[in-house]
Amino acid sequence: MARDIHLDGFRTEESKGLFSLAKDMISSWMEKPQEKSTMVWLGEEFIQRVGGMTVEAAQELSSSIMDGVDQFTENMNAIEETYRSGGTKETWLQQKLLSASGATEEERACYLAEAQVALAAGNNEVYAALHSAEQSADLRLPAAVEARVPDGAGGASWQPIPAQVAAQGVAEQAVLAGVGGAALDTGLKCAETQDGEPLNTGIDFGEEPTGSETDRGIKAVATGALYVAVERGIIPFLKKATPLPVLTNIACWGVEGVRTAAQVFSGKLSVAAAVDRVGRIASAAIGDLCSKGIGARMLSAIPVVGPVLGMAVGSAISSQSGKKIASAVHAGFKIIQPAVTTIAEGLHKATTKAVETVKSGLKAIANFLGF
């Protein structure tokens, strides 16, 4: 099993660029006047850091980011409520996918089948990197990202697959993305290798509750850093046309991942609870993306870029809280890693047959995805 996994296209230069940007933005956010809202502050940051952006465009962008952060929190809360009612993250996600409006039953079934196959492509890349026989392994984006698989592809070869079955498949792949992603320390290492003293913001990620104003602000900063990094070409494999919900959910995924690791280290969260929680986090993110109709091409990259870039920007921000908190995040992750690696292997094997069944009904898109 590979011990040193690098995301192709995101190595030392890129990680330093993102780290530096995130540090600058969290510093600016901490220094803003208390009466200035995060949304207004973020709009001003975009005007300063992204060339040619108007005031109106900047404020519209910052407003959309805050809405996206709030939607992620709403999804996490809804999953929690589902558990209290006797359900699971999988049942919540299935219901969310099946209740999406604006599509016929056949269109919904086709989209969800494509989403299942696309997410499986990304999960396969993570699995291959984790189980590489080499000491060092490259984690690559699925071929679908480069092959430009069109949204809605596969229509000519479509074989009827019940939407309920496809929704279940998406839910299984989402949980696998969360668990498999938590086994990767690629993003976490980005913050470990950076020079300079932390800002000592004093924000304890393990104690800050999801949905608090501070939590909203941190996730907005993380999203803003990803957006500016994409605009500047710091993250070369994400284009400027990347849908904003993708960046928002990646940022929220990362912040919640850092929080989970910190809570495991402090004893607030058991390893078993952490394994369940990383599945909830990915389900909340992927549920939002699918409900917004994000295409197969981008979905296939989410199991790779979601945890890696998310943890990179999340750990970059958390590292500025001070060395004690940064060490807690790292130690908590190391506690989780053996369990999620083992569970991810079992989940991958269990979901393979389901993906094969869907592929038989989506021959065209399966060829694009390289299965």
Protein backbone atom coordinates (compact mmCIF):
# COMPACT_ATOMS: atom_id res chain seq x y z
CA MET A 1 0.00 0.00 0.00
CA ALA A 2 1.38 3.38 -1.03
CA ARG A 3 2.42 5.63 1.85
CA ASP A 4 3.08 8.75 -0.17
CA ILE A 5 0.23 9.72 -2.49
CA HIS A 6 0.35 12.86 -4.63
CA LEU A 7 -2.50 14.36 -6.62
CA ASP A 8 -1.32 14.76 -10.19
CA GLY A 9 -1.18 18.50 -10.90
CA PHE A 10 -1.20 19.52 -7.24
CA ARG A 11 2.29 19.25 -5.83
CA THR A 12 4.63 21.55 -3.93
CA GLU A 13 4.23 24.70 -6.00
CA GLU A 14 0.45 24.47 -6.20
CA SER A 15 -0.01 23.53 -2.54
CA LYS A 16 2.20 26.42 -1.44
CA GLY A 17 0.18 28.80 -3.59
CA LEU A 18 -3.11 27.64 -2.08
CA PHE A 19 -1.69 27.63 1.45
CA SER A 20 -0.35 31.17 1.13
CA LEU A 21 -3.64 32.40 -0.32
CA ALA A 22 -5.72 30.74 2.40
CA LYS A 23 -3.45 32.17 5.10
CA ASP A 24 -3.76 35.68 3.66
CA MET A 25 -7.54 35.43 3.44
CA ILE A 26 -8.10 34.02 6.94
CA SER A 27 -5.83 36.79 8.27
CA SER A 28 -7.89 39.42 6.43
CA TRP A 29 -11.14 37.90 7.67
CA MET A 30 -9.93 37.88 11.28
CA GLU A 31 -9.01 41.56 11.00
CA LYS A 32 -12.26 42.78 9.44
CA PRO A 33 -14.43 45.11 11.57
CA GLN A 34 -16.96 43.16 13.59
CA GLU A 35 -19.84 45.11 12.08
CA LYS A 36 -18.84 44.10 8.55
CA SER A 37 -20.52 40.87 7.46
CA THR A 38 -18.56 37.99 5.99
CA MET A 39 -20.53 38.37 2.77
CA VAL A 40 -19.53 42.02 2.34
CA TRP A 41 -15.92 41.26 3.30
CA LEU A 42 -15.74 38.39 0.81
CA GLY A 43 -17.04 40.60 -2.00
CA GLU A 44 -14.31 43.14 -1.26
CA GLU A 45 -11.70 40.35 -1.28
CA PHE A 46 -12.81 39.24 -4.73
CA ILE A 47 -12.54 42.77 -6.11
CA GLN A 48 -9.02 43.01 -4.70
CA ARG A 49 -7.80 39.54 -5.68
CA VAL A 50 -9.59 38.81 -8.97
CA GLY A 51 -8.85 41.20 -11.79
CA GLY A 52 -11.70 42.95 -13.58
CA MET A 53 -14.50 41.95 -11.21
CA THR A 54 -17.22 44.56 -10.70
CA VAL A 55 -18.75 45.38 -7.34
CA GLU A 56 -22.06 43.87 -8.44
CA ALA A 57 -20.46 40.65 -9.64
CA ALA A 58 -18.37 40.35 -6.49
CA GLN A 59 -21.34 40.79 -4.18
CA GLU A 60 -23.46 38.36 -6.19
CA LEU A 61 -20.64 35.82 -5.99
CA SER A 62 -20.15 36.24 -2.25
CA SER A 63 -23.91 36.00 -1.66
CA SER A 64 -24.05 32.75 -3.65
CA ILE A 65 -21.17 31.34 -1.60
CA MET A 66 -22.90 32.13 1.69
CA ASP A 67 -26.08 30.50 0.37
CA GLY A 68 -24.07 27.43 -0.62
CA VAL A 69 -22.44 27.21 2.81
CA ASP A 70 -25.86 27.46 4.46
CA GLN A 71 -27.24 24.77 2.14
CA PHE A 72 -24.43 22.41 3.15
CA THR A 73 -25.23 23.01 6.83
CA GLU A 74 -28.92 22.44 6.10
CA ASN A 75 -28.06 19.13 4.47
CA MET A 76 -25.93 18.05 7.44
CA ASN A 77 -28.76 18.95 9.81
CA ALA A 78 -31.27 17.08 7.66
CA ILE A 79 -29.08 13.97 7.75
CA GLU A 80 -28.91 14.24 11.55
CA GLU A 81 -32.69 14.54 11.71
CA THR A 82 -33.02 11.47 9.48
CA TYR A 83 -30.89 9.49 11.94
CA ARG A 84 -33.10 10.62 14.82
CA SER A 85 -36.09 9.33 12.87
CA GLY A 86 -34.48 5.91 12.40
CA GLY A 87 -32.99 6.48 8.94
CA THR A 88 -29.44 6.70 7.63
CA LYS A 89 -27.34 8.99 5.48
CA GLU A 90 -28.03 6.66 2.56
CA THR A 91 -31.80 6.89 2.95
CA TRP A 92 -31.59 10.68 3.26
CA LEU A 93 -29.56 10.98 0.09
CA GLN A 94 -31.79 8.61 -1.86
CA GLN A 95 -34.85 10.64 -0.89
CA LYS A 96 -33.17 13.91 -1.83
CA LEU A 97 -32.16 12.56 -5.21
CA LEU A 98 -35.61 11.14 -5.96
CA SER A 99 -37.43 14.30 -4.90
CA ALA A 100 -35.48 16.66 -7.17
CA SER A 101 -37.85 18.63 -9.36
CA GLY A 102 -37.75 19.53 -13.04
CA ALA A 103 -37.16 16.08 -14.56
CA THR A 104 -39.23 13.21 -15.83
CA GLU A 105 -38.82 9.81 -14.21
CA GLU A 106 -36.77 8.56 -17.17
CA GLU A 107 -34.54 11.65 -17.18
CA ARG A 108 -33.97 11.34 -13.45
CA ALA A 109 -33.14 7.63 -13.73
CA CYS A 110 -30.70 8.28 -16.57
CA TYR A 111 -28.97 11.14 -14.74
CA LEU A 112 -28.62 9.16 -11.51
CA ALA A 113 -27.25 6.13 -13.35
CA GLU A 114 -24.65 8.35 -15.02
CA ALA A 115 -23.84 9.94 -11.66
CA GLN A 116 -23.32 6.51 -10.09
CA VAL A 117 -20.91 5.42 -12.82
CA ALA A 118 -19.10 8.78 -12.74
CA LEU A 119 -18.60 8.71 -8.97
CA ALA A 120 -17.41 5.11 -9.23
CA ALA A 121 -14.74 6.25 -11.71
CA GLY A 122 -13.38 8.70 -9.16
CA ASN A 123 -13.58 6.17 -6.34
CA ASN A 124 -11.67 3.67 -8.48
CA GLU A 125 -8.80 6.15 -8.83
CA VAL A 126 -8.66 6.65 -5.06
CA TYR A 127 -8.76 2.89 -4.50
CA ALA A 128 -5.97 2.31 -7.03
CA ALA A 129 -3.73 4.93 -5.39
CA LEU A 130 -4.37 3.62 -1.87
CA HIS A 131 -3.57 0.05 -2.93
CA SER A 132 -0.60 0.77 -5.15
CA ALA A 133 2.32 -1.57 -4.54
CA GLU A 134 4.70 1.35 -4.94
CA GLN A 135 5.99 3.40 -2.02
CA SER A 136 4.87 6.56 -3.81
CA ALA A 137 1.76 6.76 -5.99
CA ASP A 138 0.10 9.36 -8.20
CA LEU A 139 -3.58 10.04 -7.68
CA ARG A 140 -5.12 11.01 -11.01
CA LEU A 141 -8.40 12.47 -12.10
CA PRO A 142 -10.61 9.99 -13.97
CA ALA A 143 -10.33 10.03 -17.75
CA ALA A 144 -13.90 11.31 -17.91
CA VAL A 145 -12.74 14.79 -16.91
CA GLU A 146 -10.51 14.98 -19.95
CA ALA A 147 -12.81 13.06 -22.29
CA ARG A 148 -15.50 15.73 -21.98
CA VAL A 149 -18.37 13.36 -21.40
CA PRO A 150 -21.46 15.42 -22.23
CA ASP A 151 -24.19 15.89 -19.66
CA GLY A 152 -26.90 13.41 -20.46
CA ALA A 153 -24.58 11.16 -22.50
CA GLY A 154 -25.61 7.59 -23.01
CA GLY A 155 -29.12 8.38 -24.18
CA ALA A 156 -28.75 6.34 -27.36
CA SER A 157 -27.74 3.26 -25.42
CA TRP A 158 -30.02 3.80 -22.44
CA GLN A 159 -31.52 0.68 -20.91
CA PRO A 160 -34.27 1.37 -18.34
CA ILE A 161 -32.90 1.34 -14.79
CA PRO A 162 -35.33 2.26 -12.00
CA ALA A 163 -34.52 5.63 -10.48
CA GLN A 164 -34.74 4.08 -7.01
CA VAL A 165 -31.97 1.62 -7.88
CA ALA A 166 -29.77 4.31 -9.38
CA ALA A 167 -30.33 6.58 -6.37
CA GLN A 168 -29.23 3.78 -4.06
CA GLY A 169 -26.11 3.37 -6.17
CA VAL A 170 -25.28 7.08 -5.95
CA ALA A 171 -25.73 6.97 -2.16
CA GLU A 172 -23.34 4.02 -1.90
CA GLN A 173 -20.73 5.78 -4.04
CA ALA A 174 -21.11 8.98 -2.00
CA VAL A 175 -20.39 7.16 1.26
CA LEU A 176 -17.44 5.40 -0.35
CA ALA A 177 -16.12 8.79 -1.49
CA GLY A 178 -16.27 10.04 2.07
CA VAL A 179 -14.65 7.00 3.64
CA GLY A 180 -12.06 6.52 0.89
CA GLY A 181 -11.25 10.23 0.89
CA ALA A 182 -10.64 10.14 4.63
CA ALA A 183 -7.97 7.49 4.03
CA LEU A 184 -5.99 9.97 1.92
CA ASP A 185 -3.56 12.24 3.73
CA THR A 186 -2.58 14.01 0.51
CA GLY A 187 -4.40 17.24 1.34
CA LEU A 188 -3.40 17.21 4.99
CA LYS A 189 0.29 17.05 4.11
CA CYS A 190 0.05 20.35 2.25
CA ALA A 191 -0.19 22.32 5.48
CA GLU A 192 2.48 20.25 7.22
CA THR A 193 5.16 21.18 4.71
CA GLN A 194 4.64 24.94 4.84
CA ASP A 195 7.10 27.33 6.45
CA GLY A 196 6.41 30.27 8.76
CA GLU A 197 4.70 30.80 12.08
CA PRO A 198 0.91 30.38 12.36
CA LEU A 199 -1.35 33.38 12.89
CA ASN A 200 -2.63 31.89 16.18
CA THR A 201 -6.25 32.75 15.40
CA GLY A 202 -7.36 30.74 18.42
CA ILE A 203 -10.22 29.10 16.52
CA ASP A 204 -10.61 25.52 17.76
CA PHE A 205 -12.16 23.56 14.91
CA GLY A 206 -13.02 20.69 17.24
CA GLU A 207 -15.10 22.91 19.50
CA GLU A 208 -16.69 25.22 16.91
CA PRO A 209 -20.14 23.83 16.06
CA THR A 210 -21.30 23.35 12.49
CA GLY A 211 -23.52 26.25 11.45
CA SER A 212 -22.15 28.85 13.88
CA GLU A 213 -21.24 32.27 12.50
CA THR A 214 -17.56 31.42 12.87
CA ASP A 215 -18.09 28.14 11.04
CA ARG A 216 -19.94 29.96 8.24
CA GLY A 217 -17.09 32.45 7.99
CA ILE A 218 -14.37 29.77 7.87
CA LYS A 219 -16.19 27.87 5.12
CA ALA A 220 -16.70 31.09 3.17
CA VAL A 221 -12.99 31.89 3.48
CA ALA A 222 -12.13 28.37 2.31
CA THR A 223 -14.49 28.64 -0.66
CA GLY A 224 -13.17 32.09 -1.50
CA ALA A 225 -9.59 30.81 -1.42
CA LEU A 226 -10.47 27.97 -3.79
CA TYR A 227 -12.28 30.37 -6.14
CA VAL A 228 -9.36 32.82 -6.29
CA ALA A 229 -6.90 29.93 -6.68
CA VAL A 230 -8.86 28.62 -9.67
CA GLU A 231 -9.05 32.11 -11.20
CA ARG A 232 -5.29 32.52 -10.82
CA GLY A 233 -4.48 29.11 -12.25
CA ILE A 234 -3.02 27.82 -8.98
CA ILE A 235 -5.16 24.68 -9.33
CA PRO A 236 -4.53 23.85 -13.00
CA PHE A 237 -6.94 20.92 -13.33
CA LEU A 238 -9.95 23.02 -12.27
CA LYS A 239 -11.02 25.43 -14.96
CA LYS A 240 -12.50 28.88 -14.47
CA ALA A 241 -15.83 27.48 -15.61
CA THR A 242 -15.97 25.13 -12.61
CA PRO A 243 -19.49 25.49 -11.13
CA LEU A 244 -19.48 27.44 -7.87
CA PRO A 245 -21.38 24.70 -5.94
CA VAL A 246 -18.44 22.38 -6.64
CA LEU A 247 -16.01 24.75 -4.93
CA THR A 248 -18.37 25.48 -2.04
CA ASN A 249 -19.00 21.83 -1.30
CA ILE A 250 -15.30 20.96 -1.57
CA ALA A 251 -14.51 23.71 0.96
CA CYS A 252 -17.25 22.59 3.35
CA TRP A 253 -16.11 18.97 2.96
CA GLY A 254 -12.59 19.97 3.96
CA VAL A 255 -13.55 22.09 6.96
CA GLU A 256 -15.80 19.33 8.28
CA GLY A 257 -13.06 16.77 7.69
CA VAL A 258 -10.63 18.83 9.75
CA ARG A 259 -13.26 19.21 12.49
CA THR A 260 -13.83 15.44 12.53
CA ALA A 261 -10.10 14.71 12.92
CA ALA A 262 -9.78 17.25 15.74
CA GLN A 263 -12.76 15.77 17.58
CA VAL A 264 -11.34 12.25 17.33
CA PHE A 265 -8.07 13.41 18.87
CA SER A 266 -9.88 15.16 21.74
CA GLY A 267 -12.02 12.10 22.42
CA LYS A 268 -15.22 13.95 21.56
CA LEU A 269 -15.80 11.56 18.66
CA SER A 270 -15.06 7.82 18.50
CA VAL A 271 -13.39 6.27 15.46
CA ALA A 272 -16.65 4.49 14.59
CA ALA A 273 -18.57 7.76 14.79
CA ALA A 274 -15.90 9.47 12.69
CA VAL A 275 -16.22 6.82 9.97
CA ASP A 276 -19.96 7.43 9.88
CA ARG A 277 -19.47 11.19 9.87
CA VAL A 278 -17.12 11.30 6.88
CA GLY A 279 -19.82 9.42 4.97
CA ARG A 280 -22.39 12.01 6.08
CA ILE A 281 -20.13 14.86 4.94
CA ALA A 282 -19.67 13.39 1.47
CA SER A 283 -23.39 12.60 1.23
CA ALA A 284 -24.29 16.21 2.07
CA ALA A 285 -21.89 17.52 -0.56
CA ILE A 286 -22.71 15.06 -3.33
CA GLY A 287 -26.43 15.33 -2.61
CA ASP A 288 -26.25 19.06 -3.23
CA LEU A 289 -24.25 18.65 -6.43
CA CYS A 290 -26.61 16.04 -7.84
CA SER A 291 -29.68 18.05 -6.89
CA LYS A 292 -28.21 20.90 -8.94
CA GLY A 293 -27.63 18.62 -11.93
CA ILE A 294 -23.82 18.78 -11.96
CA GLY A 295 -22.70 16.70 -14.95
CA ALA A 296 -20.98 13.33 -15.01
CA ARG A 297 -17.66 14.83 -16.11
CA MET A 298 -17.35 16.92 -12.96
CA LEU A 299 -18.92 14.35 -10.62
CA SER A 300 -16.27 11.81 -11.60
CA ALA A 301 -13.59 14.13 -10.20
CA ILE A 302 -15.35 14.77 -6.86
CA PRO A 303 -14.11 11.65 -4.99
CA VAL A 304 -10.56 12.78 -5.86
CA VAL A 305 -10.59 16.57 -5.60
CA GLY A 306 -13.24 16.73 -2.86
CA PRO A 307 -11.20 15.24 -0.03
CA VAL A 308 -7.76 16.31 -1.32
CA LEU A 309 -8.43 19.98 -2.09
CA GLY A 310 -10.96 20.20 0.74
CA MET A 311 -8.51 18.95 3.32
CA ALA A 312 -5.74 21.06 1.79
CA VAL A 313 -7.63 24.32 2.21
CA GLY A 314 -9.24 23.21 5.49
CA SER A 315 -5.92 22.23 7.05
CA ALA A 316 -4.28 25.37 5.70
CA ILE A 317 -6.82 27.46 7.59
CA SER A 318 -6.85 25.29 10.73
CA SER A 319 -3.05 25.38 10.91
CA GLN A 320 -3.31 29.12 11.50
CA SER A 321 -5.10 28.45 14.80
CA GLY A 322 -1.79 27.49 16.36
CA LYS A 323 0.56 24.53 16.45
CA LYS A 324 -1.40 22.73 19.19
CA ILE A 325 -4.63 22.63 17.17
CA ALA A 326 -2.76 21.80 13.95
CA SER A 327 -1.09 18.87 15.72
CA ALA A 328 -4.46 17.68 17.04
CA VAL A 329 -5.88 17.60 13.51
CA HIS A 330 -2.91 15.61 12.23
CA ALA A 331 -2.97 13.17 15.15
CA GLY A 332 -6.73 12.70 14.87
CA PHE A 333 -6.42 11.90 11.19
CA LYS A 334 -3.75 9.28 11.89
CA ILE A 335 -6.12 7.63 14.39
CA ILE A 336 -8.91 7.46 11.80
CA GLN A 337 -6.80 6.39 8.80
CA PRO A 338 -6.41 2.63 9.49
CA ALA A 339 -10.16 2.14 10.05
CA VAL A 340 -11.34 4.09 7.02
CA THR A 341 -8.77 2.39 4.79
CA THR A 342 -10.10 -1.05 5.74
CA ILE A 343 -13.76 -0.04 5.49
CA ALA A 344 -13.21 1.68 2.14
CA GLU A 345 -11.80 -1.56 0.73
CA GLY A 346 -14.91 -3.46 1.80
CA LEU A 347 -17.26 -0.81 0.44
CA HIS A 348 -15.41 -0.73 -2.87
CA LYS A 349 -15.81 -4.48 -3.33
CA ALA A 350 -19.48 -4.36 -2.31
CA THR A 351 -20.40 -1.62 -4.78
CA THR A 352 -18.51 -2.99 -7.79
CA LYS A 353 -21.28 -5.39 -8.84
CA ALA A 354 -23.93 -2.65 -8.70
CA VAL A 355 -21.83 -0.42 -10.95
CA GLU A 356 -21.37 -3.26 -13.43
CA THR A 357 -25.15 -3.65 -13.64
CA VAL A 358 -25.66 0.05 -14.38
CA LYS A 359 -22.82 0.04 -16.92
CA SER A 360 -24.67 -2.55 -18.97
CA GLY A 361 -27.40 0.05 -19.44
CA LEU A 362 -25.04 2.92 -20.12
CA LYS A 363 -22.57 1.47 -22.60
CA ALA A 364 -21.66 4.75 -24.24
CA ILE A 365 -20.81 6.65 -21.09
CA ALA A 366 -19.04 3.62 -19.69
CA ASN A 367 -16.69 3.68 -22.69
CA PHE A 368 -15.95 7.36 -22.03
CA LEU A 369 -15.19 6.63 -18.40
CA GLY A 370 -12.73 3.92 -19.34
CA PHE A 371 -14.30 0.94 -17.63
